[in-house]
Amino acid sequence: MGIMDFDRENKLERAKKQVAELKGFYVHLVVYLAVNVFITTAKIIGDKNNGDTMLEAFWDFGTFAVWLFWGVGLLFHGLNVFSYNPFFNKEWEERQIQRYMEKEKQESKKYR
């Protein structure tokens, strides 16, 4: 097995991993939607049976709580899968590397 075969196999494994992560995110999204629609429907029907109007049942915080909190988790899952990190991106890494290199340079000048 040559270097070219190893590189090709390595790329194939990374591609398979990315596809599996993407598939996992889409499954998470579908489950999120299905479960939350079910919970919301059940909550609204239950609240209406307890005497609330449709608007009271719909605009209750409990109706949106699961959507909101689970949605935050789904958002972070999506950011991870799509490799989006607004805080620790490549530019941030480069700035940190330059900063530490400059610090090392200044430190080495002290001892000359």
C-alpha atoms as a PDB file:
ATOM      1  CA  MET A   1       0.000   0.000   0.000  1.00  0.00           C
ATOM      2  CA  GLY A   2       1.544   3.237  -1.137  1.00  0.00           C
ATOM      3  CA  ILE A   3       1.257   6.780   0.125  1.00  0.00           C
ATOM      4  CA  MET A   4      -1.392   7.586  -2.474  1.00  0.00           C
ATOM      5  CA  ASP A   5      -3.552   4.659  -1.341  1.00  0.00           C
ATOM      6  CA  PHE A   6      -3.167   5.665   2.307  1.00  0.00           C
ATOM      7  CA  ASP A   7      -4.103   9.277   1.530  1.00  0.00           C
ATOM      8  CA  ARG A   8      -7.128   8.154  -0.469  1.00  0.00           C
ATOM      9  CA  GLU A   9      -8.239   5.797   2.312  1.00  0.00           C
ATOM     10  CA  ASN A  10      -7.751   8.557   4.891  1.00  0.00           C
ATOM     11  CA  LYS A  11      -9.897  10.955   2.839  1.00  0.00           C
ATOM     12  CA  LEU A  12     -12.554   8.282   2.438  1.00  0.00           C
ATOM     13  CA  GLU A  13     -12.699   7.683   6.199  1.00  0.00           C
ATOM     14  CA  ARG A  14     -13.003  11.421   6.904  1.00  0.00           C
ATOM     15  CA  ALA A  15     -15.763  11.733   4.302  1.00  0.00           C
ATOM     16  CA  LYS A  16     -17.641   8.798   5.850  1.00  0.00           C
ATOM     17  CA  LYS A  17     -17.317  10.393   9.284  1.00  0.00           C
ATOM     18  CA  GLN A  18     -18.649  13.722   7.989  1.00  0.00           C
ATOM     19  CA  VAL A  19     -21.605  12.017   6.306  1.00  0.00           C
ATOM     20  CA  ALA A  20     -22.382  10.106   9.522  1.00  0.00           C
ATOM     21  CA  GLU A  21     -22.277  13.363  11.534  1.00  0.00           C
ATOM     22  CA  LEU A  22     -24.537  15.086   9.005  1.00  0.00           C
ATOM     23  CA  LYS A  23     -26.966  12.162   9.065  1.00  0.00           C
ATOM     24  CA  GLY A  24     -26.965  12.275  12.881  1.00  0.00           C
ATOM     25  CA  PHE A  25     -27.832  15.973  12.802  1.00  0.00           C
ATOM     26  CA  TYR A  26     -30.711  15.439  10.371  1.00  0.00           C
ATOM     27  CA  VAL A  27     -32.072  12.592  12.500  1.00  0.00           C
ATOM     28  CA  HIS A  28     -31.809  14.875  15.544  1.00  0.00           C
ATOM     29  CA  LEU A  29     -33.687  17.602  13.648  1.00  0.00           C
ATOM     30  CA  VAL A  30     -36.510  15.256  12.586  1.00  0.00           C
ATOM     31  CA  VAL A  31     -36.874  13.835  16.117  1.00  0.00           C
ATOM     32  CA  TYR A  32     -36.847  17.396  17.521  1.00  0.00           C
ATOM     33  CA  LEU A  33     -39.660  18.448  15.203  1.00  0.00           C
ATOM     34  CA  ALA A  34     -41.765  15.303  15.663  1.00  0.00           C
ATOM     35  CA  VAL A  35     -41.493  15.185  19.449  1.00  0.00           C
ATOM     36  CA  ASN A  36     -42.089  18.902  19.890  1.00  0.00           C
ATOM     37  CA  VAL A  37     -45.125  18.942  17.611  1.00  0.00           C
ATOM     38  CA  PHE A  38     -46.550  16.030  19.613  1.00  0.00           C
ATOM     39  CA  ILE A  39     -45.789  17.674  22.992  1.00  0.00           C
ATOM     40  CA  THR A  40     -47.176  21.039  21.865  1.00  0.00           C
ATOM     41  CA  THR A  41     -50.351  19.484  20.509  1.00  0.00           C
ATOM     42  CA  ALA A  42     -50.886  17.421  23.664  1.00  0.00           C
ATOM     43  CA  LYS A  43     -50.260  20.453  25.889  1.00  0.00           C
ATOM     44  CA  ILE A  44     -52.656  22.695  23.961  1.00  0.00           C
ATOM     45  CA  ILE A  45     -55.386  20.026  23.957  1.00  0.00           C
ATOM     46  CA  GLY A  46     -54.850  19.408  27.688  1.00  0.00           C
ATOM     47  CA  ASP A  47     -54.985  23.110  28.513  1.00  0.00           C
ATOM     48  CA  LYS A  48     -58.152  23.572  26.423  1.00  0.00           C
ATOM     49  CA  ASN A  49     -59.771  20.657  28.275  1.00  0.00           C
ATOM     50  CA  ASN A  50     -58.887  22.410  31.552  1.00  0.00           C
ATOM     51  CA  GLY A  51     -60.826  25.508  30.512  1.00  0.00           C
ATOM     52  CA  ASP A  52     -58.175  27.664  28.808  1.00  0.00           C
ATOM     53  CA  THR A  53     -58.966  29.397  25.550  1.00  0.00           C
ATOM     54  CA  MET A  54     -56.958  28.508  22.452  1.00  0.00           C
ATOM     55  CA  LEU A  55     -54.862  31.681  22.802  1.00  0.00           C
ATOM     56  CA  GLU A  56     -54.184  31.063  26.504  1.00  0.00           C
ATOM     57  CA  ALA A  57     -53.157  27.483  25.796  1.00  0.00           C
ATOM     58  CA  PHE A  58     -50.966  28.438  22.844  1.00  0.00           C
ATOM     59  CA  TRP A  59     -49.157  31.411  24.412  1.00  0.00           C
ATOM     60  CA  ASP A  60     -48.321  29.638  27.681  1.00  0.00           C
ATOM     61  CA  PHE A  61     -44.528  29.463  28.274  1.00  0.00           C
ATOM     62  CA  GLY A  62     -44.782  25.720  28.824  1.00  0.00           C
ATOM     63  CA  THR A  63     -45.863  25.351  25.220  1.00  0.00           C
ATOM     64  CA  PHE A  64     -42.568  26.794  24.005  1.00  0.00           C
ATOM     65  CA  ALA A  65     -40.182  25.702  26.766  1.00  0.00           C
ATOM     66  CA  VAL A  66     -39.165  22.381  25.228  1.00  0.00           C
ATOM     67  CA  TRP A  67     -38.835  23.973  21.778  1.00  0.00           C
ATOM     68  CA  LEU A  68     -36.565  26.635  23.238  1.00  0.00           C
ATOM     69  CA  PHE A  69     -34.275  24.592  25.468  1.00  0.00           C
ATOM     70  CA  TRP A  70     -33.949  21.595  23.169  1.00  0.00           C
ATOM     71  CA  GLY A  71     -33.525  24.032  20.267  1.00  0.00           C
ATOM     72  CA  VAL A  72     -30.422  25.501  21.910  1.00  0.00           C
ATOM     73  CA  GLY A  73     -28.918  22.014  22.014  1.00  0.00           C
ATOM     74  CA  LEU A  74     -29.901  21.429  18.395  1.00  0.00           C
ATOM     75  CA  LEU A  75     -28.313  24.739  17.414  1.00  0.00           C
ATOM     76  CA  PHE A  76     -24.992  23.763  18.989  1.00  0.00           C
ATOM     77  CA  HIS A  77     -25.190  20.337  17.357  1.00  0.00           C
ATOM     78  CA  GLY A  78     -25.683  22.018  13.973  1.00  0.00           C
ATOM     79  CA  LEU A  79     -22.832  24.470  14.567  1.00  0.00           C
ATOM     80  CA  ASN A  80     -20.552  21.549  15.369  1.00  0.00           C
ATOM     81  CA  VAL A  81     -21.609  19.460  12.360  1.00  0.00           C
ATOM     82  CA  PHE A  82     -21.271  22.347   9.919  1.00  0.00           C
ATOM     83  CA  SER A  83     -17.931  23.368  11.476  1.00  0.00           C
ATOM     84  CA  TYR A  84     -19.078  26.868  12.326  1.00  0.00           C
ATOM     85  CA  ASN A  85     -17.472  28.395  15.368  1.00  0.00           C
ATOM     86  CA  PRO A  86     -17.764  32.172  15.523  1.00  0.00           C
ATOM     87  CA  PHE A  87     -15.597  32.372  18.631  1.00  0.00           C
ATOM     88  CA  PHE A  88     -12.622  30.091  17.994  1.00  0.00           C
ATOM     89  CA  ASN A  89     -12.282  30.231  14.210  1.00  0.00           C
ATOM     90  CA  LYS A  90      -9.109  30.158  12.076  1.00  0.00           C
ATOM     91  CA  GLU A  91      -8.547  33.913  12.381  1.00  0.00           C
ATOM     92  CA  TRP A  92      -8.700  33.664  16.168  1.00  0.00           C
ATOM     93  CA  GLU A  93      -6.208  30.794  16.096  1.00  0.00           C
ATOM     94  CA  GLU A  94      -3.834  32.799  13.907  1.00  0.00           C
ATOM     95  CA  ARG A  95      -4.033  35.815  16.232  1.00  0.00           C
ATOM     96  CA  GLN A  96      -3.301  33.629  19.239  1.00  0.00           C
ATOM     97  CA  ILE A  97      -0.337  31.987  17.507  1.00  0.00           C
ATOM     98  CA  GLN A  98       1.060  35.388  16.543  1.00  0.00           C
ATOM     99  CA  ARG A  99       0.539  36.671  20.069  1.00  0.00           C
ATOM    100  CA  TYR A 100       2.404  33.752  21.629  1.00  0.00           C
ATOM    101  CA  MET A 101       5.175  33.940  19.050  1.00  0.00           C
ATOM    102  CA  GLU A 102       5.610  37.652  19.795  1.00  0.00           C
ATOM    103  CA  LYS A 103       5.645  36.933  23.527  1.00  0.00           C
ATOM    104  CA  GLU A 104       8.345  34.279  23.036  1.00  0.00           C
ATOM    105  CA  LYS A 105      10.342  36.704  20.929  1.00  0.00           C
ATOM    106  CA  GLN A 106      10.149  39.367  23.651  1.00  0.00           C
ATOM    107  CA  GLU A 107      11.132  36.829  26.314  1.00  0.00           C
ATOM    108  CA  SER A 108      14.143  35.667  24.342  1.00  0.00           C
ATOM    109  CA  LYS A 109      15.349  39.270  23.942  1.00  0.00           C
ATOM    110  CA  LYS A 110      15.480  39.649  27.739  1.00  0.00           C
ATOM    111  CA  TYR A 111      18.171  37.007  28.066  1.00  0.00           C
ATOM    112  CA  ARG A 112      20.528  38.152  25.288  1.00  0.00           C
END
